[in-house]
């Protein structure tokens, strides 16, 4: 419990439900701030209580109107900075522009680096995020970045909902092989992966399965599901390869465009996502979506960060 300890938790408009869960976990109520938009779309922030010499945590995730969420975060950090906050931590479960992390073609911007610069220039002292699309984004910052993993929560879900002896963990692409092998090793199960050839950025052309899935429960794991094209195609290939049931566990359920329709019509039994982004509407529209709550993990990280305790324990286990 952090009541009366000089901790203030603020939230932007992108995911207030998650902020409530985190505050409740810490025994605090959310600090008062008004975030509004002017007629021409400018974000206006009013911090409605003193933050002088306080440890401030601002929660906003990269979803919906991402640019609005990012500007809110920067303005709130700046407002707290010039109001004499002792330390300001940005809690960004889904880092905005995380997929634009390298110069993959001529004249391409490295927007994730720009976002890191914006947060630091605003006055941010520390960043907490979850399952970065690319680990090198940590290196874009000159302030400490705590990168959390949804892996312990995913493993707990698998252990409690499946007979582990029949499970095979599948990576939908070679890039996610490290994540999939890590989960498979900790569960002591087999692992398979897809090799895919892309024609353009988010359209997959051909997928080849490497590994055995016949008569097993195949669980696809990935860091984010956007249009779900890859996951649905992978599920179809797994069904053709003889998998008895197919599930997918994803950290960030962005689910844009026709994603929900694709999931509903796919061979997936369920798509399990965490609540790094709001999922209430998605669950109402698609019966196959289930949510793992990572609020307690973020709450525990804030508590440990405030008291100067080690955070690395949470890389391997779920807080009680």
C-alpha atoms as a PDB file:
ATOM      1  CA  UNK A   1       0.000   0.000   0.000  1.00  0.00           C
ATOM      2  CA  UNK A   2       1.295   3.428  -0.899  1.00  0.00           C
ATOM      3  CA  UNK A   3      -1.254   5.617   0.871  1.00  0.00           C
ATOM      4  CA  UNK A   4       0.247   8.866   2.152  1.00  0.00           C
ATOM      5  CA  UNK A   5       3.703   8.147   0.723  1.00  0.00           C
ATOM      6  CA  UNK A   6       3.966  11.022  -1.750  1.00  0.00           C
ATOM      7  CA  UNK A   7       3.017   8.947  -4.800  1.00  0.00           C
ATOM      8  CA  UNK A   8       0.603  10.436  -7.335  1.00  0.00           C
ATOM      9  CA  UNK A   9      -0.892   8.422 -10.199  1.00  0.00           C
ATOM     10  CA  UNK A  10      -2.376  10.322 -13.131  1.00  0.00           C
ATOM     11  CA  UNK A  11      -4.045   8.969 -16.235  1.00  0.00           C
ATOM     12  CA  UNK A  12      -4.589  10.320 -19.724  1.00  0.00           C
ATOM     13  CA  UNK A  13      -7.717   9.504 -21.734  1.00  0.00           C
ATOM     14  CA  UNK A  14      -6.332   6.437 -23.558  1.00  0.00           C
ATOM     15  CA  UNK A  15      -6.893   3.729 -20.897  1.00  0.00           C
ATOM     16  CA  UNK A  16      -8.437   4.997 -17.615  1.00  0.00           C
ATOM     17  CA  UNK A  17      -9.680   1.459 -16.705  1.00  0.00           C
ATOM     18  CA  UNK A  18      -6.106   0.172 -16.446  1.00  0.00           C
ATOM     19  CA  UNK A  19      -5.091   3.200 -14.358  1.00  0.00           C
ATOM     20  CA  UNK A  20      -7.979   2.431 -11.955  1.00  0.00           C
ATOM     21  CA  UNK A  21      -6.842  -1.209 -11.623  1.00  0.00           C
ATOM     22  CA  UNK A  22      -3.254  -0.089 -10.898  1.00  0.00           C
ATOM     23  CA  UNK A  23      -4.351   2.554  -8.354  1.00  0.00           C
ATOM     24  CA  UNK A  24      -6.627   0.036  -6.593  1.00  0.00           C
ATOM     25  CA  UNK A  25      -3.755  -2.463  -6.401  1.00  0.00           C
ATOM     26  CA  UNK A  26      -1.669   0.224  -4.649  1.00  0.00           C
ATOM     27  CA  UNK A  27      -4.464   1.338  -2.313  1.00  0.00           C
ATOM     28  CA  UNK A  28      -4.533   4.824  -3.850  1.00  0.00           C
ATOM     29  CA  UNK A  29      -7.137   6.872  -5.657  1.00  0.00           C
ATOM     30  CA  UNK A  30      -6.188   8.449  -8.989  1.00  0.00           C
ATOM     31  CA  UNK A  31      -4.828  11.985  -8.704  1.00  0.00           C
ATOM     32  CA  UNK A  32      -7.065  14.685 -10.165  1.00  0.00           C
ATOM     33  CA  UNK A  33      -6.281  16.050 -13.600  1.00  0.00           C
ATOM     34  CA  UNK A  34      -8.477  17.420 -16.348  1.00  0.00           C
ATOM     35  CA  UNK A  35      -7.554  16.535 -19.909  1.00  0.00           C
ATOM     36  CA  UNK A  36      -9.698  18.295 -22.508  1.00  0.00           C
ATOM     37  CA  UNK A  37      -9.563  19.234 -26.171  1.00  0.00           C
ATOM     38  CA  UNK A  38     -10.108  22.697 -27.585  1.00  0.00           C
ATOM     39  CA  UNK A  39     -12.273  23.360 -30.631  1.00  0.00           C
ATOM     40  CA  UNK A  40      -9.263  23.077 -32.952  1.00  0.00           C
ATOM     41  CA  UNK A  41      -8.083  19.830 -31.371  1.00  0.00           C
ATOM     42  CA  UNK A  42      -5.366  21.144 -29.029  1.00  0.00           C
ATOM     43  CA  UNK A  43      -4.905  19.114 -25.848  1.00  0.00           C
ATOM     44  CA  UNK A  44      -5.351  21.088 -22.638  1.00  0.00           C
ATOM     45  CA  UNK A  45      -4.203  19.692 -19.292  1.00  0.00           C
ATOM     46  CA  UNK A  46      -4.974  20.997 -15.815  1.00  0.00           C
ATOM     47  CA  UNK A  47      -3.267  19.223 -12.894  1.00  0.00           C
ATOM     48  CA  UNK A  48      -5.835  19.786 -10.129  1.00  0.00           C
ATOM     49  CA  UNK A  49      -3.698  18.964  -7.068  1.00  0.00           C
ATOM     50  CA  UNK A  50      -0.210  19.671  -5.772  1.00  0.00           C
ATOM     51  CA  UNK A  51       2.601  17.432  -7.005  1.00  0.00           C
ATOM     52  CA  UNK A  52       5.480  19.335  -5.387  1.00  0.00           C
ATOM     53  CA  UNK A  53       8.239  16.913  -4.326  1.00  0.00           C
ATOM     54  CA  UNK A  54       6.013  13.921  -5.191  1.00  0.00           C
ATOM     55  CA  UNK A  55       6.860  10.729  -7.074  1.00  0.00           C
ATOM     56  CA  UNK A  56       4.520  11.042 -10.087  1.00  0.00           C
ATOM     57  CA  UNK A  57       3.397   8.207 -12.389  1.00  0.00           C
ATOM     58  CA  UNK A  58       1.494   9.076 -15.569  1.00  0.00           C
ATOM     59  CA  UNK A  59      -0.331   6.201 -17.292  1.00  0.00           C
ATOM     60  CA  UNK A  60      -1.176   6.480 -20.989  1.00  0.00           C
ATOM     61  CA  UNK A  61      -0.944   3.762 -23.615  1.00  0.00           C
ATOM     62  CA  UNK A  62      -0.422   3.930 -27.387  1.00  0.00           C
ATOM     63  CA  UNK A  63      -3.901   3.081 -28.619  1.00  0.00           C
ATOM     64  CA  UNK A  64      -6.900   4.561 -30.409  1.00  0.00           C
ATOM     65  CA  UNK A  65      -5.869   8.099 -31.323  1.00  0.00           C
ATOM     66  CA  UNK A  66      -2.164   7.382 -30.742  1.00  0.00           C
ATOM     67  CA  UNK A  67      -0.993  10.926 -31.526  1.00  0.00           C
ATOM     68  CA  UNK A  68      -3.498  12.384 -29.045  1.00  0.00           C
ATOM     69  CA  UNK A  69      -2.354   9.908 -26.350  1.00  0.00           C
ATOM     70  CA  UNK A  70       1.292  10.809 -26.985  1.00  0.00           C
ATOM     71  CA  UNK A  71       0.674  14.575 -26.820  1.00  0.00           C
ATOM     72  CA  UNK A  72      -1.380  14.148 -23.622  1.00  0.00           C
ATOM     73  CA  UNK A  73       1.486  12.219 -22.066  1.00  0.00           C
ATOM     74  CA  UNK A  74       4.115  14.809 -23.047  1.00  0.00           C
ATOM     75  CA  UNK A  75       1.970  17.738 -21.850  1.00  0.00           C
ATOM     76  CA  UNK A  76       1.160  16.016 -18.534  1.00  0.00           C
ATOM     77  CA  UNK A  77       4.856  15.240 -17.952  1.00  0.00           C
ATOM     78  CA  UNK A  78       5.738  18.869 -18.715  1.00  0.00           C
ATOM     79  CA  UNK A  79       2.949  20.187 -16.450  1.00  0.00           C
ATOM     80  CA  UNK A  80       4.182  18.046 -13.523  1.00  0.00           C
ATOM     81  CA  UNK A  81       7.815  18.959 -14.215  1.00  0.00           C
ATOM     82  CA  UNK A  82       7.214  22.704 -13.962  1.00  0.00           C
ATOM     83  CA  UNK A  83       4.994  22.102 -10.921  1.00  0.00           C
ATOM     84  CA  UNK A  84       8.135  20.823  -9.086  1.00  0.00           C
ATOM     85  CA  UNK A  85       7.449  17.074  -9.065  1.00  0.00           C
ATOM     86  CA  UNK A  86      10.424  15.207  -7.582  1.00  0.00           C
ATOM     87  CA  UNK A  87      10.417  12.385 -10.173  1.00  0.00           C
ATOM     88  CA  UNK A  88       8.167  11.690 -13.152  1.00  0.00           C
ATOM     89  CA  UNK A  89       7.654   8.206 -14.581  1.00  0.00           C
ATOM     90  CA  UNK A  90       5.805   7.563 -17.834  1.00  0.00           C
ATOM     91  CA  UNK A  91       3.917   4.259 -17.680  1.00  0.00           C
ATOM     92  CA  UNK A  92       3.328   3.339 -21.336  1.00  0.00           C
ATOM     93  CA  UNK A  93       2.149  -0.303 -21.577  1.00  0.00           C
ATOM     94  CA  UNK A  94       2.139  -0.148 -25.397  1.00  0.00           C
ATOM     95  CA  UNK A  95       4.944   2.101 -26.614  1.00  0.00           C
ATOM     96  CA  UNK A  96       3.683   4.336 -29.472  1.00  0.00           C
ATOM     97  CA  UNK A  97       5.357   3.934 -32.884  1.00  0.00           C
ATOM     98  CA  UNK A  98       7.293   0.893 -31.580  1.00  0.00           C
ATOM     99  CA  UNK A  99       7.211  -0.729 -35.037  1.00  0.00           C
ATOM    100  CA  UNK A 100       9.070   2.212 -36.606  1.00  0.00           C
ATOM    101  CA  UNK A 101      12.290   1.313 -34.827  1.00  0.00           C
ATOM    102  CA  UNK A 102      14.832   1.127 -37.661  1.00  0.00           C
ATOM    103  CA  UNK A 103      15.628   2.579 -41.049  1.00  0.00           C
ATOM    104  CA  UNK A 104      14.381  -0.328 -43.135  1.00  0.00           C
ATOM    105  CA  UNK A 105      14.290   1.563 -46.420  1.00  0.00           C
ATOM    106  CA  UNK A 106      15.684   4.775 -47.884  1.00  0.00           C
ATOM    107  CA  UNK A 107      14.475   7.977 -46.234  1.00  0.00           C
ATOM    108  CA  UNK A 108      12.424   6.080 -43.615  1.00  0.00           C
ATOM    109  CA  UNK A 109      12.126   7.838 -40.227  1.00  0.00           C
ATOM    110  CA  UNK A 110      13.046   6.105 -36.947  1.00  0.00           C
ATOM    111  CA  UNK A 111       9.930   7.421 -35.234  1.00  0.00           C
ATOM    112  CA  UNK A 112      10.387   5.368 -32.031  1.00  0.00           C
ATOM    113  CA  UNK A 113      13.605   7.339 -31.409  1.00  0.00           C
ATOM    114  CA  UNK A 114      11.697  10.597 -31.967  1.00  0.00           C
ATOM    115  CA  UNK A 115       9.071   9.526 -29.404  1.00  0.00           C
ATOM    116  CA  UNK A 116      11.860   8.714 -26.908  1.00  0.00           C
ATOM    117  CA  UNK A 117      13.311  12.209 -27.455  1.00  0.00           C
ATOM    118  CA  UNK A 118       9.873  13.811 -27.007  1.00  0.00           C
ATOM    119  CA  UNK A 119       9.290  12.051 -23.674  1.00  0.00           C
ATOM    120  CA  UNK A 120      12.750  13.005 -22.375  1.00  0.00           C
ATOM    121  CA  UNK A 121      12.500  16.622 -23.513  1.00  0.00           C
ATOM    122  CA  UNK A 122       9.107  16.847 -21.785  1.00  0.00           C
ATOM    123  CA  UNK A 123      10.888  16.068 -18.498  1.00  0.00           C
ATOM    124  CA  UNK A 124      10.428  12.340 -18.023  1.00  0.00           C
ATOM    125  CA  UNK A 125      12.877  10.714 -15.533  1.00  0.00           C
ATOM    126  CA  UNK A 126      11.926   7.053 -15.964  1.00  0.00           C
ATOM    127  CA  UNK A 127       9.851   4.914 -18.345  1.00  0.00           C
ATOM    128  CA  UNK A 128       7.906   1.721 -17.628  1.00  0.00           C
ATOM    129  CA  UNK A 129       6.677  -0.233 -20.660  1.00  0.00           C
ATOM    130  CA  UNK A 130       5.702  -3.767 -21.600  1.00  0.00           C
ATOM    131  CA  UNK A 131       6.873  -6.190 -24.303  1.00  0.00           C
ATOM    132  CA  UNK A 132       8.583  -3.671 -26.577  1.00  0.00           C
ATOM    133  CA  UNK A 133       8.300  -4.641 -30.232  1.00  0.00           C
ATOM    134  CA  UNK A 134      12.096  -4.301 -30.472  1.00  0.00           C
ATOM    135  CA  UNK A 135      14.399  -4.348 -27.428  1.00  0.00           C
ATOM    136  CA  UNK A 136      16.744  -1.734 -28.895  1.00  0.00           C
ATOM    137  CA  UNK A 137      14.101   0.951 -28.182  1.00  0.00           C
ATOM    138  CA  UNK A 138      15.450   0.909 -24.596  1.00  0.00           C
ATOM    139  CA  UNK A 139      18.696   2.251 -26.041  1.00  0.00           C
ATOM    140  CA  UNK A 140      16.909   5.238 -27.583  1.00  0.00           C
ATOM    141  CA  UNK A 141      16.533   6.667 -24.055  1.00  0.00           C
ATOM    142  CA  UNK A 142      19.128   8.245 -21.770  1.00  0.00           C
ATOM    143  CA  UNK A 143      16.837   7.672 -18.768  1.00  0.00           C
ATOM    144  CA  UNK A 144      16.137   4.270 -17.160  1.00  0.00           C
ATOM    145  CA  UNK A 145      13.592   2.090 -18.981  1.00  0.00           C
ATOM    146  CA  UNK A 146      11.937  -0.835 -17.191  1.00  0.00           C
ATOM    147  CA  UNK A 147      10.734  -3.214 -19.879  1.00  0.00           C
ATOM    148  CA  UNK A 148       8.262  -5.682 -18.405  1.00  0.00           C
ATOM    149  CA  UNK A 149       7.211  -8.974 -19.927  1.00  0.00           C
ATOM    150  CA  UNK A 150       3.739 -10.498 -20.219  1.00  0.00           C
ATOM    151  CA  UNK A 151       5.466 -13.910 -20.312  1.00  0.00           C
ATOM    152  CA  UNK A 152       4.955 -14.842 -16.612  1.00  0.00           C
ATOM    153  CA  UNK A 153       1.228 -13.977 -16.883  1.00  0.00           C
ATOM    154  CA  UNK A 154       0.955 -15.972 -20.136  1.00  0.00           C
ATOM    155  CA  UNK A 155       2.696 -18.996 -18.575  1.00  0.00           C
ATOM    156  CA  UNK A 156       0.379 -18.836 -15.545  1.00  0.00           C
ATOM    157  CA  UNK A 157      -2.624 -18.740 -17.908  1.00  0.00           C
ATOM    158  CA  UNK A 158      -1.341 -21.761 -19.882  1.00  0.00           C
ATOM    159  CA  UNK A 159      -0.642 -23.769 -16.706  1.00  0.00           C
ATOM    160  CA  UNK A 160      -4.104 -23.068 -15.273  1.00  0.00           C
ATOM    161  CA  UNK A 161      -6.162 -23.544 -18.473  1.00  0.00           C
ATOM    162  CA  UNK A 162      -4.397 -26.341 -20.391  1.00  0.00           C
ATOM    163  CA  UNK A 163      -2.989 -29.814 -19.881  1.00  0.00           C
ATOM    164  CA  UNK A 164       0.651 -28.834 -20.455  1.00  0.00           C
ATOM    165  CA  UNK A 165       1.639 -32.345 -21.682  1.00  0.00           C
ATOM    166  CA  UNK A 166      -0.428 -31.831 -24.861  1.00  0.00           C
ATOM    167  CA  UNK A 167       0.715 -28.277 -25.608  1.00  0.00           C
ATOM    168  CA  UNK A 168       3.058 -27.086 -28.345  1.00  0.00           C
ATOM    169  CA  UNK A 169       4.101 -23.414 -28.426  1.00  0.00           C
ATOM    170  CA  UNK A 170       4.170 -21.904 -31.920  1.00  0.00           C
ATOM    171  CA  UNK A 171       5.775 -18.688 -33.134  1.00  0.00           C
ATOM    172  CA  UNK A 172       3.956 -17.183 -36.147  1.00  0.00           C
ATOM    173  CA  UNK A 173       7.268 -15.855 -37.510  1.00  0.00           C
ATOM    174  CA  UNK A 174      11.021 -16.299 -37.102  1.00  0.00           C
ATOM    175  CA  UNK A 175      11.287 -12.928 -35.308  1.00  0.00           C
ATOM    176  CA  UNK A 176       9.199 -14.217 -32.388  1.00  0.00           C
ATOM    177  CA  UNK A 177      11.173 -17.475 -32.056  1.00  0.00           C
ATOM    178  CA  UNK A 178      13.065 -16.245 -28.986  1.00  0.00           C
ATOM    179  CA  UNK A 179       9.812 -15.405 -27.158  1.00  0.00           C
ATOM    180  CA  UNK A 180       8.234 -18.753 -28.083  1.00  0.00           C
ATOM    181  CA  UNK A 181      11.292 -20.849 -27.116  1.00  0.00           C
ATOM    182  CA  UNK A 182      11.542 -19.040 -23.787  1.00  0.00           C
ATOM    183  CA  UNK A 183       7.902 -19.926 -22.941  1.00  0.00           C
ATOM    184  CA  UNK A 184       8.297 -23.499 -24.282  1.00  0.00           C
ATOM    185  CA  UNK A 185      11.462 -24.055 -22.190  1.00  0.00           C
ATOM    186  CA  UNK A 186       9.815 -22.821 -19.006  1.00  0.00           C
ATOM    187  CA  UNK A 187       6.790 -25.065 -19.594  1.00  0.00           C
ATOM    188  CA  UNK A 188       8.997 -27.982 -20.701  1.00  0.00           C
ATOM    189  CA  UNK A 189       7.093 -28.442 -23.985  1.00  0.00           C
ATOM    190  CA  UNK A 190       7.882 -28.579 -27.713  1.00  0.00           C
ATOM    191  CA  UNK A 191       8.069 -25.575 -29.951  1.00  0.00           C
ATOM    192  CA  UNK A 192       7.343 -24.929 -33.641  1.00  0.00           C
ATOM    193  CA  UNK A 193       7.620 -21.882 -35.872  1.00  0.00           C
ATOM    194  CA  UNK A 194       6.461 -20.496 -39.185  1.00  0.00           C
ATOM    195  CA  UNK A 195       8.784 -19.132 -41.799  1.00  0.00           C
ATOM    196  CA  UNK A 196       6.918 -16.471 -43.738  1.00  0.00           C
ATOM    197  CA  UNK A 197       7.604 -14.530 -46.879  1.00  0.00           C
ATOM    198  CA  UNK A 198       6.055 -11.079 -47.112  1.00  0.00           C
ATOM    199  CA  UNK A 199       5.202  -9.195 -50.286  1.00  0.00           C
ATOM    200  CA  UNK A 200       4.602  -5.891 -48.475  1.00  0.00           C
ATOM    201  CA  UNK A 201       4.771  -4.598 -44.881  1.00  0.00           C
ATOM    202  CA  UNK A 202       1.631  -6.110 -43.322  1.00  0.00           C
ATOM    203  CA  UNK A 203       0.511  -8.600 -45.974  1.00  0.00           C
ATOM    204  CA  UNK A 204       1.822 -12.160 -45.719  1.00  0.00           C
ATOM    205  CA  UNK A 205       2.158 -14.269 -48.855  1.00  0.00           C
ATOM    206  CA  UNK A 206       3.414 -17.765 -47.906  1.00  0.00           C
ATOM    207  CA  UNK A 207       3.982 -19.584 -44.622  1.00  0.00           C
ATOM    208  CA  UNK A 208       5.937 -22.791 -43.984  1.00  0.00           C
ATOM    209  CA  UNK A 209       5.542 -24.680 -40.680  1.00  0.00           C
ATOM    210  CA  UNK A 210       8.704 -26.029 -39.045  1.00  0.00           C
ATOM    211  CA  UNK A 211       7.958 -28.536 -36.254  1.00  0.00           C
ATOM    212  CA  UNK A 212       5.322 -31.128 -35.259  1.00  0.00           C
ATOM    213  CA  UNK A 213       1.838 -30.147 -34.096  1.00  0.00           C
ATOM    214  CA  UNK A 214      -0.277 -33.204 -35.010  1.00  0.00           C
ATOM    215  CA  UNK A 215      -2.892 -34.049 -32.316  1.00  0.00           C
ATOM    216  CA  UNK A 216      -1.527 -31.321 -30.017  1.00  0.00           C
ATOM    217  CA  UNK A 217      -3.006 -28.116 -28.593  1.00  0.00           C
ATOM    218  CA  UNK A 218      -1.132 -25.423 -30.520  1.00  0.00           C
ATOM    219  CA  UNK A 219      -0.679 -22.062 -28.777  1.00  0.00           C
ATOM    220  CA  UNK A 220       0.523 -19.224 -30.981  1.00  0.00           C
ATOM    221  CA  UNK A 221       2.437 -16.502 -29.081  1.00  0.00           C
ATOM    222  CA  UNK A 222       3.240 -13.008 -30.345  1.00  0.00           C
ATOM    223  CA  UNK A 223       3.845  -9.502 -28.983  1.00  0.00           C
ATOM    224  CA  UNK A 224       1.070  -7.767 -30.913  1.00  0.00           C
ATOM    225  CA  UNK A 225      -1.965  -8.578 -33.032  1.00  0.00           C
ATOM    226  CA  UNK A 226      -2.943  -5.733 -35.351  1.00  0.00           C
ATOM    227  CA  UNK A 227      -4.887  -6.885 -38.422  1.00  0.00           C
ATOM    228  CA  UNK A 228      -4.512 -10.542 -37.250  1.00  0.00           C
ATOM    229  CA  UNK A 229      -3.694 -11.649 -40.832  1.00  0.00           C
ATOM    230  CA  UNK A 230      -0.605 -13.568 -39.714  1.00  0.00           C
ATOM    231  CA  UNK A 231      -2.325 -15.236 -36.730  1.00  0.00           C
ATOM    232  CA  UNK A 232      -5.386 -16.341 -38.722  1.00  0.00           C
ATOM    233  CA  UNK A 233      -3.253 -17.684 -41.572  1.00  0.00           C
ATOM    234  CA  UNK A 234      -1.004 -19.490 -39.063  1.00  0.00           C
ATOM    235  CA  UNK A 235      -4.098 -20.974 -37.360  1.00  0.00           C
ATOM    236  CA  UNK A 236      -5.354 -22.247 -40.729  1.00  0.00           C
ATOM    237  CA  UNK A 237      -1.982 -23.901 -41.475  1.00  0.00           C
ATOM    238  CA  UNK A 238      -1.901 -25.462 -37.979  1.00  0.00           C
ATOM    239  CA  UNK A 239      -5.397 -26.902 -38.491  1.00  0.00           C
ATOM    240  CA  UNK A 240      -4.258 -28.362 -41.835  1.00  0.00           C
ATOM    241  CA  UNK A 241      -1.178 -29.816 -40.090  1.00  0.00           C
ATOM    242  CA  UNK A 242      -3.444 -31.725 -37.670  1.00  0.00           C
ATOM    243  CA  UNK A 243      -3.403 -29.621 -34.474  1.00  0.00           C
ATOM    244  CA  UNK A 244      -6.371 -30.643 -32.280  1.00  0.00           C
ATOM    245  CA  UNK A 245      -7.077 -27.120 -30.982  1.00  0.00           C
ATOM    246  CA  UNK A 246      -5.494 -23.750 -31.721  1.00  0.00           C
ATOM    247  CA  UNK A 247      -5.214 -20.764 -29.395  1.00  0.00           C
ATOM    248  CA  UNK A 248      -3.273 -17.503 -29.586  1.00  0.00           C
ATOM    249  CA  UNK A 249      -1.779 -15.495 -26.715  1.00  0.00           C
ATOM    250  CA  UNK A 250      -0.766 -11.931 -27.578  1.00  0.00           C
ATOM    251  CA  UNK A 251       0.447  -9.091 -25.348  1.00  0.00           C
ATOM    252  CA  UNK A 252      -0.944  -6.112 -27.247  1.00  0.00           C
ATOM    253  CA  UNK A 253      -4.332  -6.689 -28.887  1.00  0.00           C
ATOM    254  CA  UNK A 254      -4.475  -3.709 -31.252  1.00  0.00           C
ATOM    255  CA  UNK A 255      -7.118  -5.436 -33.400  1.00  0.00           C
ATOM    256  CA  UNK A 256      -7.581  -2.829 -36.122  1.00  0.00           C
ATOM    257  CA  UNK A 257      -9.550  -2.979 -39.376  1.00  0.00           C
ATOM    258  CA  UNK A 258     -11.304  -6.322 -39.931  1.00  0.00           C
ATOM    259  CA  UNK A 259      -9.299  -8.089 -37.197  1.00  0.00           C
ATOM    260  CA  UNK A 260     -12.318  -9.086 -35.066  1.00  0.00           C
ATOM    261  CA  UNK A 261     -14.185 -10.502 -38.071  1.00  0.00           C
ATOM    262  CA  UNK A 262     -11.047 -12.427 -39.150  1.00  0.00           C
ATOM    263  CA  UNK A 263     -10.618 -13.891 -35.647  1.00  0.00           C
ATOM    264  CA  UNK A 264     -14.307 -14.866 -35.421  1.00  0.00           C
ATOM    265  CA  UNK A 265     -14.107 -16.705 -38.765  1.00  0.00           C
ATOM    266  CA  UNK A 266     -10.657 -18.252 -38.159  1.00  0.00           C
ATOM    267  CA  UNK A 267      -9.655 -21.696 -36.814  1.00  0.00           C
ATOM    268  CA  UNK A 268      -8.686 -20.089 -33.474  1.00  0.00           C
ATOM    269  CA  UNK A 269     -10.630 -21.319 -30.432  1.00  0.00           C
ATOM    270  CA  UNK A 270      -9.666 -18.191 -28.527  1.00  0.00           C
ATOM    271  CA  UNK A 271      -7.448 -15.114 -28.870  1.00  0.00           C
ATOM    272  CA  UNK A 272      -6.090 -14.267 -25.427  1.00  0.00           C
ATOM    273  CA  UNK A 273      -4.793 -10.707 -25.066  1.00  0.00           C
ATOM    274  CA  UNK A 274      -3.641  -8.599 -22.109  1.00  0.00           C
ATOM    275  CA  UNK A 275      -5.306  -5.337 -21.133  1.00  0.00           C
ATOM    276  CA  UNK A 276      -2.371  -3.094 -22.131  1.00  0.00           C
ATOM    277  CA  UNK A 277      -5.070  -1.644 -24.418  1.00  0.00           C
ATOM    278  CA  UNK A 278      -8.803  -1.332 -23.644  1.00  0.00           C
ATOM    279  CA  UNK A 279     -10.548  -4.570 -24.709  1.00  0.00           C
ATOM    280  CA  UNK A 280     -14.128  -4.169 -23.414  1.00  0.00           C
ATOM    281  CA  UNK A 281     -15.558  -3.175 -26.822  1.00  0.00           C
ATOM    282  CA  UNK A 282     -13.581  -5.905 -28.607  1.00  0.00           C
ATOM    283  CA  UNK A 283     -14.911  -8.558 -26.204  1.00  0.00           C
ATOM    284  CA  UNK A 284     -18.480  -7.355 -26.831  1.00  0.00           C
ATOM    285  CA  UNK A 285     -17.985  -7.663 -30.609  1.00  0.00           C
ATOM    286  CA  UNK A 286     -16.065 -10.958 -30.682  1.00  0.00           C
ATOM    287  CA  UNK A 287     -16.833 -13.982 -28.482  1.00  0.00           C
ATOM    288  CA  UNK A 288     -13.365 -15.511 -28.989  1.00  0.00           C
ATOM    289  CA  UNK A 289     -11.462 -12.766 -27.156  1.00  0.00           C
ATOM    290  CA  UNK A 290     -10.322 -13.341 -23.588  1.00  0.00           C
ATOM    291  CA  UNK A 291      -8.297 -10.923 -21.456  1.00  0.00           C
ATOM    292  CA  UNK A 292      -5.397 -11.440 -19.031  1.00  0.00           C
ATOM    293  CA  UNK A 293      -5.174  -8.601 -16.476  1.00  0.00           C
ATOM    294  CA  UNK A 294      -1.638  -7.182 -16.234  1.00  0.00           C
ATOM    295  CA  UNK A 295      -2.718  -4.320 -13.916  1.00  0.00           C
ATOM    296  CA  UNK A 296      -1.292  -6.074 -10.820  1.00  0.00           C
ATOM    297  CA  UNK A 297       2.116  -6.428 -12.559  1.00  0.00           C
ATOM    298  CA  UNK A 298       2.256  -2.707 -13.401  1.00  0.00           C
ATOM    299  CA  UNK A 299       1.032  -1.829  -9.907  1.00  0.00           C
ATOM    300  CA  UNK A 300       3.760  -3.940  -8.302  1.00  0.00           C
ATOM    301  CA  UNK A 301       6.417  -2.350 -10.554  1.00  0.00           C
ATOM    302  CA  UNK A 302       5.308   1.123  -9.456  1.00  0.00           C
ATOM    303  CA  UNK A 303       5.463   0.049  -5.791  1.00  0.00           C
ATOM    304  CA  UNK A 304       8.940  -1.462  -6.216  1.00  0.00           C
ATOM    305  CA  UNK A 305      10.149   1.533  -8.218  1.00  0.00           C
ATOM    306  CA  UNK A 306       8.967   3.951  -5.526  1.00  0.00           C
ATOM    307  CA  UNK A 307      10.661   2.034  -2.701  1.00  0.00           C
ATOM    308  CA  UNK A 308      13.839   1.378  -4.692  1.00  0.00           C
ATOM    309  CA  UNK A 309      13.360  -2.409  -4.785  1.00  0.00           C
ATOM    310  CA  UNK A 310      14.477  -4.706  -7.605  1.00  0.00           C
ATOM    311  CA  UNK A 311      12.080  -5.079 -10.534  1.00  0.00           C
ATOM    312  CA  UNK A 312      13.847  -8.045 -12.207  1.00  0.00           C
ATOM    313  CA  UNK A 313      11.958 -10.553 -10.011  1.00  0.00           C
ATOM    314  CA  UNK A 314       8.827  -9.712 -12.054  1.00  0.00           C
ATOM    315  CA  UNK A 315      10.517 -10.883 -15.274  1.00  0.00           C
ATOM    316  CA  UNK A 316      10.002 -14.462 -14.060  1.00  0.00           C
ATOM    317  CA  UNK A 317       6.971 -14.514 -11.783  1.00  0.00           C
ATOM    318  CA  UNK A 318       3.543 -12.959 -11.403  1.00  0.00           C
ATOM    319  CA  UNK A 319       3.080 -10.809  -8.262  1.00  0.00           C
ATOM    320  CA  UNK A 320       0.746 -12.328  -5.674  1.00  0.00           C
END
